[in-house]
Amino acid sequence: MNDEFDSLLGDIASDAEPSGPSRTKMEAKPENEERRSIIIDEVDGQPNYEVVGVNGVVFQIQRGIETTVPLSVIEVLKNAVASKYVKVKRNDGFEDLQKRDYSSIPWRLV
């Protein structure tokens, strides 16, 4: 398994640009990235903002306000998924627990 991990690291290291600061192709500068408008929904009992980090850059996004963010922030929000188990009644009257995934940060694309 270490060989597999080392080979992945080798691929990332070989993608680094030879001149300028050491930066891999996987990293994108948020200021140069395409942007879209989103709204992060307000949630009772939660702060009026959401904090999203991308490659060491932290975005504090106010809830309920249309905000323009880089596509990498949207990708993080898409992958912010939590799971919960719900009871589902079977035909024979018994109940089963089924795993359901849901967005842990409710948001919408504008």
C-alpha atoms as a PDB file:
ATOM      1  CA  MET A   1       0.000   0.000   0.000  1.00  0.00           C
ATOM      2  CA  ASN A   2       2.915   2.368   0.665  1.00  0.00           C
ATOM      3  CA  ASP A   3       4.136   1.843  -2.900  1.00  0.00           C
ATOM      4  CA  GLU A   4       0.739   2.931  -4.187  1.00  0.00           C
ATOM      5  CA  PHE A   5       0.816   6.035  -1.982  1.00  0.00           C
ATOM      6  CA  ASP A   6       4.412   6.842  -2.997  1.00  0.00           C
ATOM      7  CA  SER A   7       3.510   6.554  -6.680  1.00  0.00           C
ATOM      8  CA  LEU A   8       0.675   9.038  -6.173  1.00  0.00           C
ATOM      9  CA  LEU A   9       3.041  11.447  -4.458  1.00  0.00           C
ATOM     10  CA  GLY A  10       5.484  11.031  -7.309  1.00  0.00           C
ATOM     11  CA  ASP A  11       2.799  12.019  -9.829  1.00  0.00           C
ATOM     12  CA  ILE A  12       1.913  15.118  -7.839  1.00  0.00           C
ATOM     13  CA  ALA A  13       5.545  16.125  -7.399  1.00  0.00           C
ATOM     14  CA  SER A  14       6.253  15.659 -11.119  1.00  0.00           C
ATOM     15  CA  ASP A  15       3.372  18.028 -11.966  1.00  0.00           C
ATOM     16  CA  ALA A  16       5.050  20.936 -10.154  1.00  0.00           C
ATOM     17  CA  GLU A  17       5.917  23.885 -12.365  1.00  0.00           C
ATOM     18  CA  PRO A  18       9.689  24.197 -12.839  1.00  0.00           C
ATOM     19  CA  SER A  19       9.841  27.979 -12.514  1.00  0.00           C
ATOM     20  CA  GLY A  20       8.349  30.262  -9.893  1.00  0.00           C
ATOM     21  CA  PRO A  21       6.890  29.160  -6.584  1.00  0.00           C
ATOM     22  CA  SER A  22       6.427  25.453  -5.990  1.00  0.00           C
ATOM     23  CA  ARG A  23       2.799  24.882  -6.948  1.00  0.00           C
ATOM     24  CA  THR A  24       1.143  21.732  -8.292  1.00  0.00           C
ATOM     25  CA  LYS A  25      -1.423  21.608 -11.072  1.00  0.00           C
ATOM     26  CA  MET A  26      -3.966  20.409  -8.530  1.00  0.00           C
ATOM     27  CA  GLU A  27      -3.863  23.785  -6.804  1.00  0.00           C
ATOM     28  CA  ALA A  28      -5.728  26.658  -8.402  1.00  0.00           C
ATOM     29  CA  LYS A  29      -5.412  30.282  -7.433  1.00  0.00           C
ATOM     30  CA  PRO A  30      -8.927  31.287  -6.339  1.00  0.00           C
ATOM     31  CA  GLU A  31      -8.588  34.801  -7.801  1.00  0.00           C
ATOM     32  CA  ASN A  32      -7.959  33.376 -11.311  1.00  0.00           C
ATOM     33  CA  GLU A  33     -10.701  30.749 -11.115  1.00  0.00           C
ATOM     34  CA  GLU A  34     -14.097  30.927 -12.787  1.00  0.00           C
ATOM     35  CA  ARG A  35     -16.815  32.058 -10.366  1.00  0.00           C
ATOM     36  CA  ARG A  36     -20.515  31.432  -9.785  1.00  0.00           C
ATOM     37  CA  SER A  37     -23.140  32.951  -7.488  1.00  0.00           C
ATOM     38  CA  ILE A  38     -24.517  30.861  -4.637  1.00  0.00           C
ATOM     39  CA  ILE A  39     -26.658  31.302  -1.549  1.00  0.00           C
ATOM     40  CA  ILE A  40     -25.930  29.307   1.585  1.00  0.00           C
ATOM     41  CA  ASP A  41     -29.263  28.818   3.360  1.00  0.00           C
ATOM     42  CA  GLU A  42     -29.841  29.992   6.900  1.00  0.00           C
ATOM     43  CA  VAL A  43     -30.133  27.223   9.492  1.00  0.00           C
ATOM     44  CA  ASP A  44     -31.611  27.569  12.988  1.00  0.00           C
ATOM     45  CA  GLY A  45     -28.972  27.191  15.677  1.00  0.00           C
ATOM     46  CA  GLN A  46     -26.064  27.749  13.268  1.00  0.00           C
ATOM     47  CA  PRO A  47     -23.899  30.885  12.932  1.00  0.00           C
ATOM     48  CA  ASN A  48     -24.930  33.357  10.209  1.00  0.00           C
ATOM     49  CA  TYR A  49     -21.901  32.344   8.126  1.00  0.00           C
ATOM     50  CA  GLU A  50     -20.216  29.197   6.800  1.00  0.00           C
ATOM     51  CA  VAL A  51     -16.455  28.686   6.622  1.00  0.00           C
ATOM     52  CA  VAL A  52     -15.107  26.825   3.573  1.00  0.00           C
ATOM     53  CA  GLY A  53     -11.419  26.080   3.016  1.00  0.00           C
ATOM     54  CA  VAL A  54      -9.800  25.283  -0.343  1.00  0.00           C
ATOM     55  CA  ASN A  55      -6.049  24.585  -0.585  1.00  0.00           C
ATOM     56  CA  GLY A  56      -5.268  26.732   2.445  1.00  0.00           C
ATOM     57  CA  VAL A  57      -7.530  29.625   1.376  1.00  0.00           C
ATOM     58  CA  VAL A  58     -10.440  30.167   3.772  1.00  0.00           C
ATOM     59  CA  PHE A  59     -13.749  31.701   2.687  1.00  0.00           C
ATOM     60  CA  GLN A  60     -16.239  32.978   5.258  1.00  0.00           C
ATOM     61  CA  ILE A  61     -19.572  33.103   3.436  1.00  0.00           C
ATOM     62  CA  GLN A  62     -22.549  34.860   4.985  1.00  0.00           C
ATOM     63  CA  ARG A  63     -25.754  32.818   5.010  1.00  0.00           C
ATOM     64  CA  GLY A  64     -28.822  34.055   3.133  1.00  0.00           C
ATOM     65  CA  ILE A  65     -26.874  36.480   0.913  1.00  0.00           C
ATOM     66  CA  GLU A  66     -26.046  35.922  -2.759  1.00  0.00           C
ATOM     67  CA  THR A  67     -22.255  35.536  -2.935  1.00  0.00           C
ATOM     68  CA  THR A  68     -19.900  34.961  -5.857  1.00  0.00           C
ATOM     69  CA  VAL A  69     -17.376  32.210  -5.142  1.00  0.00           C
ATOM     70  CA  PRO A  70     -14.766  30.233  -7.128  1.00  0.00           C
ATOM     71  CA  LEU A  71     -15.825  26.877  -8.583  1.00  0.00           C
ATOM     72  CA  SER A  72     -13.505  25.112  -6.130  1.00  0.00           C
ATOM     73  CA  VAL A  73     -15.695  26.360  -3.241  1.00  0.00           C
ATOM     74  CA  ILE A  74     -18.761  24.941  -4.994  1.00  0.00           C
ATOM     75  CA  GLU A  75     -16.949  21.608  -5.354  1.00  0.00           C
ATOM     76  CA  VAL A  76     -16.276  21.571  -1.582  1.00  0.00           C
ATOM     77  CA  LEU A  77     -19.950  22.335  -0.891  1.00  0.00           C
ATOM     78  CA  LYS A  78     -21.050  19.518  -3.240  1.00  0.00           C
ATOM     79  CA  ASN A  79     -18.856  17.094  -1.298  1.00  0.00           C
ATOM     80  CA  ALA A  80     -20.019  18.250   2.150  1.00  0.00           C
ATOM     81  CA  VAL A  81     -22.264  15.241   2.683  1.00  0.00           C
ATOM     82  CA  ALA A  82     -23.382  13.679   5.936  1.00  0.00           C
ATOM     83  CA  SER A  83     -25.340  10.479   6.533  1.00  0.00           C
ATOM     84  CA  LYS A  84     -28.191   9.605   8.826  1.00  0.00           C
ATOM     85  CA  TYR A  85     -30.221   6.470   9.353  1.00  0.00           C
ATOM     86  CA  VAL A  86     -33.988   6.555   9.009  1.00  0.00           C
ATOM     87  CA  LYS A  87     -36.597   3.945   9.872  1.00  0.00           C
ATOM     88  CA  VAL A  88     -38.353   2.455   6.860  1.00  0.00           C
ATOM     89  CA  LYS A  89     -41.379   0.198   7.269  1.00  0.00           C
ATOM     90  CA  ARG A  90     -41.266  -3.074   5.356  1.00  0.00           C
ATOM     91  CA  ASN A  91     -44.262  -4.877   3.814  1.00  0.00           C
ATOM     92  CA  ASP A  92     -44.246  -7.428   6.666  1.00  0.00           C
ATOM     93  CA  GLY A  93     -44.727  -4.649   9.259  1.00  0.00           C
ATOM     94  CA  PHE A  94     -41.178  -4.636  10.603  1.00  0.00           C
ATOM     95  CA  GLU A  95     -38.869  -1.656  10.307  1.00  0.00           C
ATOM     96  CA  ASP A  96     -35.387  -1.435   8.828  1.00  0.00           C
ATOM     97  CA  LEU A  97     -32.785   1.287   9.152  1.00  0.00           C
ATOM     98  CA  GLN A  98     -31.635   2.733   5.844  1.00  0.00           C
ATOM     99  CA  LYS A  99     -28.703   5.060   5.348  1.00  0.00           C
ATOM    100  CA  ARG A 100     -29.569   8.373   3.671  1.00  0.00           C
ATOM    101  CA  ASP A 101     -27.020  10.937   2.539  1.00  0.00           C
ATOM    102  CA  TYR A 102     -27.818  14.648   2.686  1.00  0.00           C
ATOM    103  CA  SER A 103     -25.991  17.925   2.198  1.00  0.00           C
ATOM    104  CA  SER A 104     -24.506  19.012   5.517  1.00  0.00           C
ATOM    105  CA  ILE A 105     -24.331  22.602   4.234  1.00  0.00           C
ATOM    106  CA  PRO A 106     -27.606  23.584   2.535  1.00  0.00           C
ATOM    107  CA  TRP A 107     -26.827  25.816  -0.453  1.00  0.00           C
ATOM    108  CA  ARG A 108     -28.122  26.683  -3.917  1.00  0.00           C
ATOM    109  CA  LEU A 109     -26.650  27.849  -7.186  1.00  0.00           C
ATOM    110  CA  VAL A 110     -28.129  31.154  -8.345  1.00  0.00           C
END
